[in-house]
């Protein structure tokens, strides 16, 4: 059975996702080797490991140094965590973008069409930013539906 892998790269950020510790270590070693060939170095202090339902707790290393194991981390401004991730984005959208526009939502001089357009362009992107990193669960999906329909 072939192991599925995902490799999310953007600028100087990479998220390496594998189902086994061995494959994560091999991919990490390859990343370090390729970086060194081009004159780049992997910053061990900025590298994090998050394990989800792991049976093997052996350290992932870069040049003999163990990477920090965390419960959550920030990837391109979005929080990635074991529990999901949608909850934090929902909070940012609700408390940030939506609440800050309260005067617009309550204004009688702004048309419904304009309000819908503002919601689609200013609030929804805040909510959905980083959604590709979420481990969506049924509760998150329901909360997002309620928020979008409110």
C-alpha atoms as a PDB file:
ATOM      1  CA  UNK A   1       0.000   0.000   0.000  1.00  0.00           C
ATOM      2  CA  UNK A   2       1.438   3.345  -1.039  1.00  0.00           C
ATOM      3  CA  UNK A   3       1.522   6.108   1.543  1.00  0.00           C
ATOM      4  CA  UNK A   4      -0.383   9.259   0.707  1.00  0.00           C
ATOM      5  CA  UNK A   5       1.540  12.478   1.132  1.00  0.00           C
ATOM      6  CA  UNK A   6       0.793  16.121   0.886  1.00  0.00           C
ATOM      7  CA  UNK A   7       3.342  18.841   0.563  1.00  0.00           C
ATOM      8  CA  UNK A   8       2.048  22.383   0.986  1.00  0.00           C
ATOM      9  CA  UNK A   9       4.647  24.945  -0.075  1.00  0.00           C
ATOM     10  CA  UNK A  10       4.538  28.713  -0.187  1.00  0.00           C
ATOM     11  CA  UNK A  11       7.567  31.006  -0.320  1.00  0.00           C
ATOM     12  CA  UNK A  12       9.653  30.000   2.675  1.00  0.00           C
ATOM     13  CA  UNK A  13       6.924  27.955   4.384  1.00  0.00           C
ATOM     14  CA  UNK A  14       6.367  24.244   3.865  1.00  0.00           C
ATOM     15  CA  UNK A  15       3.978  21.832   5.543  1.00  0.00           C
ATOM     16  CA  UNK A  16       4.962  18.193   5.140  1.00  0.00           C
ATOM     17  CA  UNK A  17       2.136  15.758   5.838  1.00  0.00           C
ATOM     18  CA  UNK A  18       2.590  11.983   5.974  1.00  0.00           C
ATOM     19  CA  UNK A  19       0.971   9.089   7.722  1.00  0.00           C
ATOM     20  CA  UNK A  20       4.178   7.606   9.198  1.00  0.00           C
ATOM     21  CA  UNK A  21       7.104   9.003  11.182  1.00  0.00           C
ATOM     22  CA  UNK A  22       9.547   7.305   8.820  1.00  0.00           C
ATOM     23  CA  UNK A  23       8.110   9.055   5.770  1.00  0.00           C
ATOM     24  CA  UNK A  24       8.098  12.453   7.510  1.00  0.00           C
ATOM     25  CA  UNK A  25      11.774  11.983   8.425  1.00  0.00           C
ATOM     26  CA  UNK A  26      12.689  10.919   4.866  1.00  0.00           C
ATOM     27  CA  UNK A  27      10.855  13.901   3.345  1.00  0.00           C
ATOM     28  CA  UNK A  28      12.450  16.257   5.873  1.00  0.00           C
ATOM     29  CA  UNK A  29      15.907  14.883   5.074  1.00  0.00           C
ATOM     30  CA  UNK A  30      15.242  15.424   1.358  1.00  0.00           C
ATOM     31  CA  UNK A  31      14.102  18.982   1.997  1.00  0.00           C
ATOM     32  CA  UNK A  32      17.255  19.749   4.004  1.00  0.00           C
ATOM     33  CA  UNK A  33      19.521  18.209   1.334  1.00  0.00           C
ATOM     34  CA  UNK A  34      17.847  20.081  -1.526  1.00  0.00           C
ATOM     35  CA  UNK A  35      17.951  23.342   0.406  1.00  0.00           C
ATOM     36  CA  UNK A  36      21.662  22.931   1.131  1.00  0.00           C
ATOM     37  CA  UNK A  37      22.389  22.238  -2.564  1.00  0.00           C
ATOM     38  CA  UNK A  38      20.957  25.637  -3.429  1.00  0.00           C
ATOM     39  CA  UNK A  39      22.718  27.448  -0.591  1.00  0.00           C
ATOM     40  CA  UNK A  40      19.739  27.589   1.773  1.00  0.00           C
ATOM     41  CA  UNK A  41      19.466  26.364   5.358  1.00  0.00           C
ATOM     42  CA  UNK A  42      16.498  24.989   7.256  1.00  0.00           C
ATOM     43  CA  UNK A  43      15.956  26.975  10.461  1.00  0.00           C
ATOM     44  CA  UNK A  44      15.454  24.270  13.102  1.00  0.00           C
ATOM     45  CA  UNK A  45      14.132  26.841  15.579  1.00  0.00           C
ATOM     46  CA  UNK A  46      11.217  27.672  13.290  1.00  0.00           C
ATOM     47  CA  UNK A  47      10.353  24.070  12.377  1.00  0.00           C
ATOM     48  CA  UNK A  48       7.491  22.394  14.229  1.00  0.00           C
ATOM     49  CA  UNK A  49       6.046  18.889  14.338  1.00  0.00           C
ATOM     50  CA  UNK A  50       2.393  18.190  15.062  1.00  0.00           C
ATOM     51  CA  UNK A  51       1.340  14.606  15.583  1.00  0.00           C
ATOM     52  CA  UNK A  52      -2.256  13.517  15.139  1.00  0.00           C
ATOM     53  CA  UNK A  53      -3.082  10.019  16.388  1.00  0.00           C
ATOM     54  CA  UNK A  54       0.583   9.026  16.217  1.00  0.00           C
ATOM     55  CA  UNK A  55       1.745   5.637  17.440  1.00  0.00           C
ATOM     56  CA  UNK A  56       5.423   6.465  16.990  1.00  0.00           C
ATOM     57  CA  UNK A  57       6.670   9.374  19.083  1.00  0.00           C
ATOM     58  CA  UNK A  58      10.262   9.212  17.835  1.00  0.00           C
ATOM     59  CA  UNK A  59      11.694  12.679  17.210  1.00  0.00           C
ATOM     60  CA  UNK A  60      11.864  14.193  13.730  1.00  0.00           C
ATOM     61  CA  UNK A  61      15.344  15.642  13.343  1.00  0.00           C
ATOM     62  CA  UNK A  62      17.214  18.097  11.140  1.00  0.00           C
ATOM     63  CA  UNK A  63      21.002  17.699  11.202  1.00  0.00           C
ATOM     64  CA  UNK A  64      20.728  15.701  14.433  1.00  0.00           C
ATOM     65  CA  UNK A  65      18.575  18.280  16.236  1.00  0.00           C
ATOM     66  CA  UNK A  66      15.062  17.278  17.301  1.00  0.00           C
ATOM     67  CA  UNK A  67      12.213  19.470  16.067  1.00  0.00           C
ATOM     68  CA  UNK A  68       9.760  20.916  18.581  1.00  0.00           C
ATOM     69  CA  UNK A  69       6.493  18.993  18.946  1.00  0.00           C
ATOM     70  CA  UNK A  70       3.440  21.282  19.192  1.00  0.00           C
ATOM     71  CA  UNK A  71      -0.338  21.019  19.538  1.00  0.00           C
ATOM     72  CA  UNK A  72      -0.936  23.811  17.000  1.00  0.00           C
ATOM     73  CA  UNK A  73       1.047  26.125  14.725  1.00  0.00           C
ATOM     74  CA  UNK A  74       0.576  29.085  12.401  1.00  0.00           C
ATOM     75  CA  UNK A  75       0.803  28.385   8.659  1.00  0.00           C
ATOM     76  CA  UNK A  76       0.464  31.407   6.368  1.00  0.00           C
ATOM     77  CA  UNK A  77      -1.417  33.266   9.092  1.00  0.00           C
ATOM     78  CA  UNK A  78      -3.907  30.461   9.743  1.00  0.00           C
ATOM     79  CA  UNK A  79      -3.856  28.311  12.866  1.00  0.00           C
ATOM     80  CA  UNK A  80      -3.480  24.589  12.229  1.00  0.00           C
ATOM     81  CA  UNK A  81      -4.458  22.431  15.201  1.00  0.00           C
ATOM     82  CA  UNK A  82      -5.377  18.847  15.998  1.00  0.00           C
ATOM     83  CA  UNK A  83      -8.939  19.710  16.975  1.00  0.00           C
ATOM     84  CA  UNK A  84      -9.873  21.404  13.737  1.00  0.00           C
ATOM     85  CA  UNK A  85      -9.153  25.027  13.029  1.00  0.00           C
ATOM     86  CA  UNK A  86     -12.461  26.399  11.854  1.00  0.00           C
ATOM     87  CA  UNK A  87     -13.419  27.646  15.323  1.00  0.00           C
ATOM     88  CA  UNK A  88     -10.580  30.180  15.505  1.00  0.00           C
ATOM     89  CA  UNK A  89     -11.262  31.481  11.983  1.00  0.00           C
ATOM     90  CA  UNK A  90     -14.944  31.830  12.858  1.00  0.00           C
ATOM     91  CA  UNK A  91     -13.998  33.874  15.922  1.00  0.00           C
ATOM     92  CA  UNK A  92     -11.768  36.171  13.843  1.00  0.00           C
ATOM     93  CA  UNK A  93     -14.487  36.690  11.250  1.00  0.00           C
ATOM     94  CA  UNK A  94     -17.185  37.280  13.864  1.00  0.00           C
ATOM     95  CA  UNK A  95     -15.216  39.482  16.273  1.00  0.00           C
ATOM     96  CA  UNK A  96     -13.111  41.200  13.652  1.00  0.00           C
ATOM     97  CA  UNK A  97     -14.620  41.773  10.271  1.00  0.00           C
ATOM     98  CA  UNK A  98     -18.329  41.333  11.076  1.00  0.00           C
ATOM     99  CA  UNK A  99     -18.512  43.325  14.330  1.00  0.00           C
ATOM    100  CA  UNK A 100     -16.390  46.165  12.960  1.00  0.00           C
ATOM    101  CA  UNK A 101     -19.021  46.688  10.270  1.00  0.00           C
ATOM    102  CA  UNK A 102     -21.945  46.915  12.739  1.00  0.00           C
ATOM    103  CA  UNK A 103     -22.740  50.520  11.751  1.00  0.00           C
ATOM    104  CA  UNK A 104     -22.987  49.426   8.114  1.00  0.00           C
ATOM    105  CA  UNK A 105     -25.227  46.440   8.930  1.00  0.00           C
ATOM    106  CA  UNK A 106     -27.533  48.646  11.036  1.00  0.00           C
ATOM    107  CA  UNK A 107     -27.613  51.537   8.587  1.00  0.00           C
ATOM    108  CA  UNK A 108     -30.852  52.169   6.713  1.00  0.00           C
ATOM    109  CA  UNK A 109     -29.003  54.232   4.118  1.00  0.00           C
ATOM    110  CA  UNK A 110     -26.927  51.244   2.899  1.00  0.00           C
ATOM    111  CA  UNK A 111     -28.865  48.944   0.572  1.00  0.00           C
ATOM    112  CA  UNK A 112     -29.283  45.238   1.249  1.00  0.00           C
ATOM    113  CA  UNK A 113     -27.440  44.508  -2.015  1.00  0.00           C
ATOM    114  CA  UNK A 114     -24.430  46.561  -0.866  1.00  0.00           C
ATOM    115  CA  UNK A 115     -24.461  44.852   2.549  1.00  0.00           C
ATOM    116  CA  UNK A 116     -24.435  41.431   0.895  1.00  0.00           C
ATOM    117  CA  UNK A 117     -21.567  42.531  -1.355  1.00  0.00           C
ATOM    118  CA  UNK A 118     -19.597  43.790   1.648  1.00  0.00           C
ATOM    119  CA  UNK A 119     -20.216  40.526   3.510  1.00  0.00           C
ATOM    120  CA  UNK A 120     -18.976  38.506   0.524  1.00  0.00           C
ATOM    121  CA  UNK A 121     -15.855  40.624   0.002  1.00  0.00           C
ATOM    122  CA  UNK A 122     -14.873  41.669   3.548  1.00  0.00           C
ATOM    123  CA  UNK A 123     -16.213  39.079   5.991  1.00  0.00           C
ATOM    124  CA  UNK A 124     -16.287  35.764   4.124  1.00  0.00           C
ATOM    125  CA  UNK A 125     -12.593  35.892   3.085  1.00  0.00           C
ATOM    126  CA  UNK A 126     -11.591  36.369   6.744  1.00  0.00           C
ATOM    127  CA  UNK A 127     -13.666  33.343   7.656  1.00  0.00           C
ATOM    128  CA  UNK A 128     -12.384  31.120   4.865  1.00  0.00           C
ATOM    129  CA  UNK A 129      -8.719  32.194   4.974  1.00  0.00           C
ATOM    130  CA  UNK A 130      -6.613  29.109   5.609  1.00  0.00           C
ATOM    131  CA  UNK A 131      -9.587  26.724   5.427  1.00  0.00           C
ATOM    132  CA  UNK A 132      -7.465  24.260   3.450  1.00  0.00           C
ATOM    133  CA  UNK A 133      -5.542  23.636   6.690  1.00  0.00           C
ATOM    134  CA  UNK A 134      -8.619  22.833   8.785  1.00  0.00           C
ATOM    135  CA  UNK A 135      -9.556  19.384   9.901  1.00  0.00           C
ATOM    136  CA  UNK A 136     -13.232  20.129   9.433  1.00  0.00           C
ATOM    137  CA  UNK A 137     -15.613  18.486  11.852  1.00  0.00           C
ATOM    138  CA  UNK A 138     -19.398  18.471  11.887  1.00  0.00           C
ATOM    139  CA  UNK A 139     -19.598  21.099  14.637  1.00  0.00           C
ATOM    140  CA  UNK A 140     -17.372  23.532  12.696  1.00  0.00           C
ATOM    141  CA  UNK A 141     -19.428  23.017   9.540  1.00  0.00           C
ATOM    142  CA  UNK A 142     -22.674  23.817  11.387  1.00  0.00           C
ATOM    143  CA  UNK A 143     -21.198  26.946  13.002  1.00  0.00           C
ATOM    144  CA  UNK A 144     -19.924  28.204   9.659  1.00  0.00           C
ATOM    145  CA  UNK A 145     -23.331  27.586   8.055  1.00  0.00           C
ATOM    146  CA  UNK A 146     -25.077  29.499  10.861  1.00  0.00           C
ATOM    147  CA  UNK A 147     -22.586  32.373  10.585  1.00  0.00           C
ATOM    148  CA  UNK A 148     -23.013  32.673   6.830  1.00  0.00           C
ATOM    149  CA  UNK A 149     -26.805  32.561   7.082  1.00  0.00           C
ATOM    150  CA  UNK A 150     -27.058  35.056   9.981  1.00  0.00           C
END
